[in-house]
Amino acid sequence: MRLTHHWGRVRALRRELPDDREAAALGIAACRLLLSMGWRIGMGREGARALLDEGQGLANAIGDRRSSLYLSMVYGRALCGAGDVAAYLELMIEDPARGAFELDDIALQAGA
């Protein structure tokens, strides 16, 4: 799939600019979008977890709690799509739901 190739390239290029905030934001977007396509491209749980960890590491580095929560939600949906509904529910209750209310973000609350 060409789209996955392009987002993979964004991730690779981002590594060449490790201290750049804009590059980190693009890396976060790449991780989130690749996670959201995971079920379509047959991504396993390990691949999904690696994208989550990478994206959240970038979000934490630039202090972007909202992106970190969105990544958790997309990862949770990947777990649910893989048939692990219990892990999905546990993840969604633990992080995104609580974080969305802490940020007072109605869109994030609705998604969580």
C-alpha atoms as a PDB file:
ATOM      1  CA  MET A   1       0.000   0.000   0.000  1.00  0.00           C
ATOM      2  CA  ARG A   2       1.520   3.288  -1.093  1.00  0.00           C
ATOM      3  CA  LEU A   3       0.087   5.321   1.749  1.00  0.00           C
ATOM      4  CA  THR A   4       1.793   3.168   4.350  1.00  0.00           C
ATOM      5  CA  HIS A   5       5.051   3.554   2.448  1.00  0.00           C
ATOM      6  CA  HIS A   6       4.772   7.338   2.514  1.00  0.00           C
ATOM      7  CA  TRP A   7       3.984   7.486   6.231  1.00  0.00           C
ATOM      8  CA  GLY A   8       6.852   5.078   6.875  1.00  0.00           C
ATOM      9  CA  ARG A   9       9.110   7.466   4.989  1.00  0.00           C
ATOM     10  CA  VAL A  10       7.900  10.348   7.164  1.00  0.00           C
ATOM     11  CA  ARG A  11       8.923   8.333  10.219  1.00  0.00           C
ATOM     12  CA  ALA A  12      12.365   7.668   8.744  1.00  0.00           C
ATOM     13  CA  LEU A  13      12.932  11.300   7.787  1.00  0.00           C
ATOM     14  CA  ARG A  14      11.795  12.436  11.224  1.00  0.00           C
ATOM     15  CA  ARG A  15      14.642  10.473  12.783  1.00  0.00           C
ATOM     16  CA  GLU A  16      17.086  12.745  10.923  1.00  0.00           C
ATOM     17  CA  LEU A  17      15.711  15.723  12.895  1.00  0.00           C
ATOM     18  CA  PRO A  18      15.509  14.357  16.438  1.00  0.00           C
ATOM     19  CA  ASP A  19      15.161  17.709  18.225  1.00  0.00           C
ATOM     20  CA  ASP A  20      12.738  19.387  15.829  1.00  0.00           C
ATOM     21  CA  ARG A  21       9.229  20.022  17.196  1.00  0.00           C
ATOM     22  CA  GLU A  22       7.584  20.111  13.752  1.00  0.00           C
ATOM     23  CA  ALA A  23       9.282  16.860  12.775  1.00  0.00           C
ATOM     24  CA  ALA A  24       8.030  15.306  16.024  1.00  0.00           C
ATOM     25  CA  ALA A  25       4.477  16.425  15.194  1.00  0.00           C
ATOM     26  CA  LEU A  26       4.760  14.792  11.769  1.00  0.00           C
ATOM     27  CA  GLY A  27       6.145  11.640  13.385  1.00  0.00           C
ATOM     28  CA  ILE A  28       3.176  11.555  15.750  1.00  0.00           C
ATOM     29  CA  ALA A  29       0.778  11.937  12.815  1.00  0.00           C
ATOM     30  CA  ALA A  30       2.531   9.132  10.942  1.00  0.00           C
ATOM     31  CA  CYS A  31       2.296   6.794  13.921  1.00  0.00           C
ATOM     32  CA  ARG A  32      -1.375   7.638  14.491  1.00  0.00           C
ATOM     33  CA  LEU A  33      -2.334   7.154  10.845  1.00  0.00           C
ATOM     34  CA  LEU A  34      -0.381   3.922  10.475  1.00  0.00           C
ATOM     35  CA  LEU A  35      -2.030   2.628  13.651  1.00  0.00           C
ATOM     36  CA  SER A  36      -5.447   3.501  12.264  1.00  0.00           C
ATOM     37  CA  MET A  37      -4.675   1.495   9.104  1.00  0.00           C
ATOM     38  CA  GLY A  38      -3.264  -1.432  11.040  1.00  0.00           C
ATOM     39  CA  TRP A  39      -6.224  -3.736  10.620  1.00  0.00           C
ATOM     40  CA  ARG A  40      -6.250  -3.108   6.858  1.00  0.00           C
ATOM     41  CA  ILE A  41      -2.606  -3.960   6.372  1.00  0.00           C
ATOM     42  CA  GLY A  42      -2.452  -6.906   8.765  1.00  0.00           C
ATOM     43  CA  MET A  43      -0.322  -5.219  11.402  1.00  0.00           C
ATOM     44  CA  GLY A  44       0.237  -7.423  14.404  1.00  0.00           C
ATOM     45  CA  ARG A  45       0.006  -6.392  18.045  1.00  0.00           C
ATOM     46  CA  GLU A  46       3.774  -5.951  18.285  1.00  0.00           C
ATOM     47  CA  GLY A  47       3.855  -3.590  15.319  1.00  0.00           C
ATOM     48  CA  ALA A  48       0.946  -1.625  16.734  1.00  0.00           C
ATOM     49  CA  ARG A  49       2.630  -1.409  20.133  1.00  0.00           C
ATOM     50  CA  ALA A  50       5.860  -0.183  18.522  1.00  0.00           C
ATOM     51  CA  LEU A  51       3.958   2.616  16.753  1.00  0.00           C
ATOM     52  CA  LEU A  52       2.203   3.545  19.989  1.00  0.00           C
ATOM     53  CA  ASP A  53       5.480   3.672  21.900  1.00  0.00           C
ATOM     54  CA  GLU A  54       7.198   5.739  19.200  1.00  0.00           C
ATOM     55  CA  GLY A  55       4.334   8.188  18.869  1.00  0.00           C
ATOM     56  CA  GLN A  56       3.858   8.599  22.592  1.00  0.00           C
ATOM     57  CA  GLY A  57       7.587   9.076  23.081  1.00  0.00           C
ATOM     58  CA  LEU A  58       7.464  11.937  20.593  1.00  0.00           C
ATOM     59  CA  ALA A  59       4.316  13.389  22.165  1.00  0.00           C
ATOM     60  CA  ASN A  60       5.883  13.273  25.608  1.00  0.00           C
ATOM     61  CA  ALA A  61       9.079  14.876  24.308  1.00  0.00           C
ATOM     62  CA  ILE A  62       7.156  17.909  23.040  1.00  0.00           C
ATOM     63  CA  GLY A  63       4.613  17.953  25.874  1.00  0.00           C
ATOM     64  CA  ASP A  64       1.625  17.091  23.689  1.00  0.00           C
ATOM     65  CA  ARG A  65      -0.761  15.249  26.032  1.00  0.00           C
ATOM     66  CA  ARG A  66      -3.650  15.469  23.555  1.00  0.00           C
ATOM     67  CA  SER A  67      -1.718  13.592  20.854  1.00  0.00           C
ATOM     68  CA  SER A  68      -0.636  10.999  23.383  1.00  0.00           C
ATOM     69  CA  LEU A  69      -4.290  10.387  24.279  1.00  0.00           C
ATOM     70  CA  TYR A  70      -5.336  10.169  20.631  1.00  0.00           C
ATOM     71  CA  LEU A  71      -2.589   7.605  20.038  1.00  0.00           C
ATOM     72  CA  SER A  72      -3.885   5.550  22.971  1.00  0.00           C
ATOM     73  CA  MET A  73      -7.398   5.642  21.529  1.00  0.00           C
ATOM     74  CA  VAL A  74      -6.264   4.511  18.079  1.00  0.00           C
ATOM     75  CA  TYR A  75      -4.109   1.786  19.628  1.00  0.00           C
ATOM     76  CA  GLY A  76      -7.100   0.655  21.680  1.00  0.00           C
ATOM     77  CA  ARG A  77      -9.172   0.382  18.535  1.00  0.00           C
ATOM     78  CA  ALA A  78      -6.406  -1.710  16.976  1.00  0.00           C
ATOM     79  CA  LEU A  79      -6.586  -4.040  19.980  1.00  0.00           C
ATOM     80  CA  CYS A  80     -10.352  -4.252  19.672  1.00  0.00           C
ATOM     81  CA  GLY A  81     -10.071  -4.959  15.950  1.00  0.00           C
ATOM     82  CA  ALA A  82      -7.657  -7.784  16.758  1.00  0.00           C
ATOM     83  CA  GLY A  83     -10.313  -9.288  19.040  1.00  0.00           C
ATOM     84  CA  ASP A  84      -8.937  -8.204  22.417  1.00  0.00           C
ATOM     85  CA  VAL A  85     -11.964  -6.287  23.650  1.00  0.00           C
ATOM     86  CA  ALA A  86     -10.943  -6.610  27.307  1.00  0.00           C
ATOM     87  CA  ALA A  87      -7.585  -4.904  26.646  1.00  0.00           C
ATOM     88  CA  TYR A  88      -9.357  -2.221  24.620  1.00  0.00           C
ATOM     89  CA  LEU A  89     -11.796  -1.448  27.434  1.00  0.00           C
ATOM     90  CA  GLU A  90      -9.059  -1.445  30.058  1.00  0.00           C
ATOM     91  CA  LEU A  91      -6.909   0.928  28.026  1.00  0.00           C
ATOM     92  CA  MET A  92      -9.772   3.279  27.198  1.00  0.00           C
ATOM     93  CA  ILE A  93     -10.900   3.586  30.810  1.00  0.00           C
ATOM     94  CA  GLU A  94      -7.394   4.031  32.157  1.00  0.00           C
ATOM     95  CA  ASP A  95      -5.869   6.756  30.006  1.00  0.00           C
ATOM     96  CA  PRO A  96      -7.919   8.506  27.305  1.00  0.00           C
ATOM     97  CA  ALA A  97     -11.185   8.848  29.225  1.00  0.00           C
ATOM     98  CA  ARG A  98      -9.523  10.277  32.321  1.00  0.00           C
ATOM     99  CA  GLY A  99      -7.109  12.437  30.312  1.00  0.00           C
ATOM    100  CA  ALA A 100      -9.875  13.862  28.129  1.00  0.00           C
ATOM    101  CA  PHE A 101     -11.693  15.159  31.187  1.00  0.00           C
ATOM    102  CA  GLU A 102      -8.468  16.534  32.655  1.00  0.00           C
ATOM    103  CA  LEU A 103      -7.865  18.488  29.437  1.00  0.00           C
ATOM    104  CA  ASP A 104     -11.513  19.578  29.288  1.00  0.00           C
ATOM    105  CA  ASP A 105     -11.575  18.636  25.601  1.00  0.00           C
ATOM    106  CA  ILE A 106     -15.109  17.758  24.475  1.00  0.00           C
ATOM    107  CA  ALA A 107     -13.979  16.179  21.169  1.00  0.00           C
ATOM    108  CA  LEU A 108     -11.460  14.017  22.966  1.00  0.00           C
ATOM    109  CA  GLN A 109     -14.079  13.082  25.566  1.00  0.00           C
ATOM    110  CA  ALA A 110     -16.484  11.997  22.836  1.00  0.00           C
ATOM    111  CA  GLY A 111     -13.797   9.889  21.174  1.00  0.00           C
ATOM    112  CA  ALA A 112     -12.769   8.293  24.430  1.00  0.00           C
END
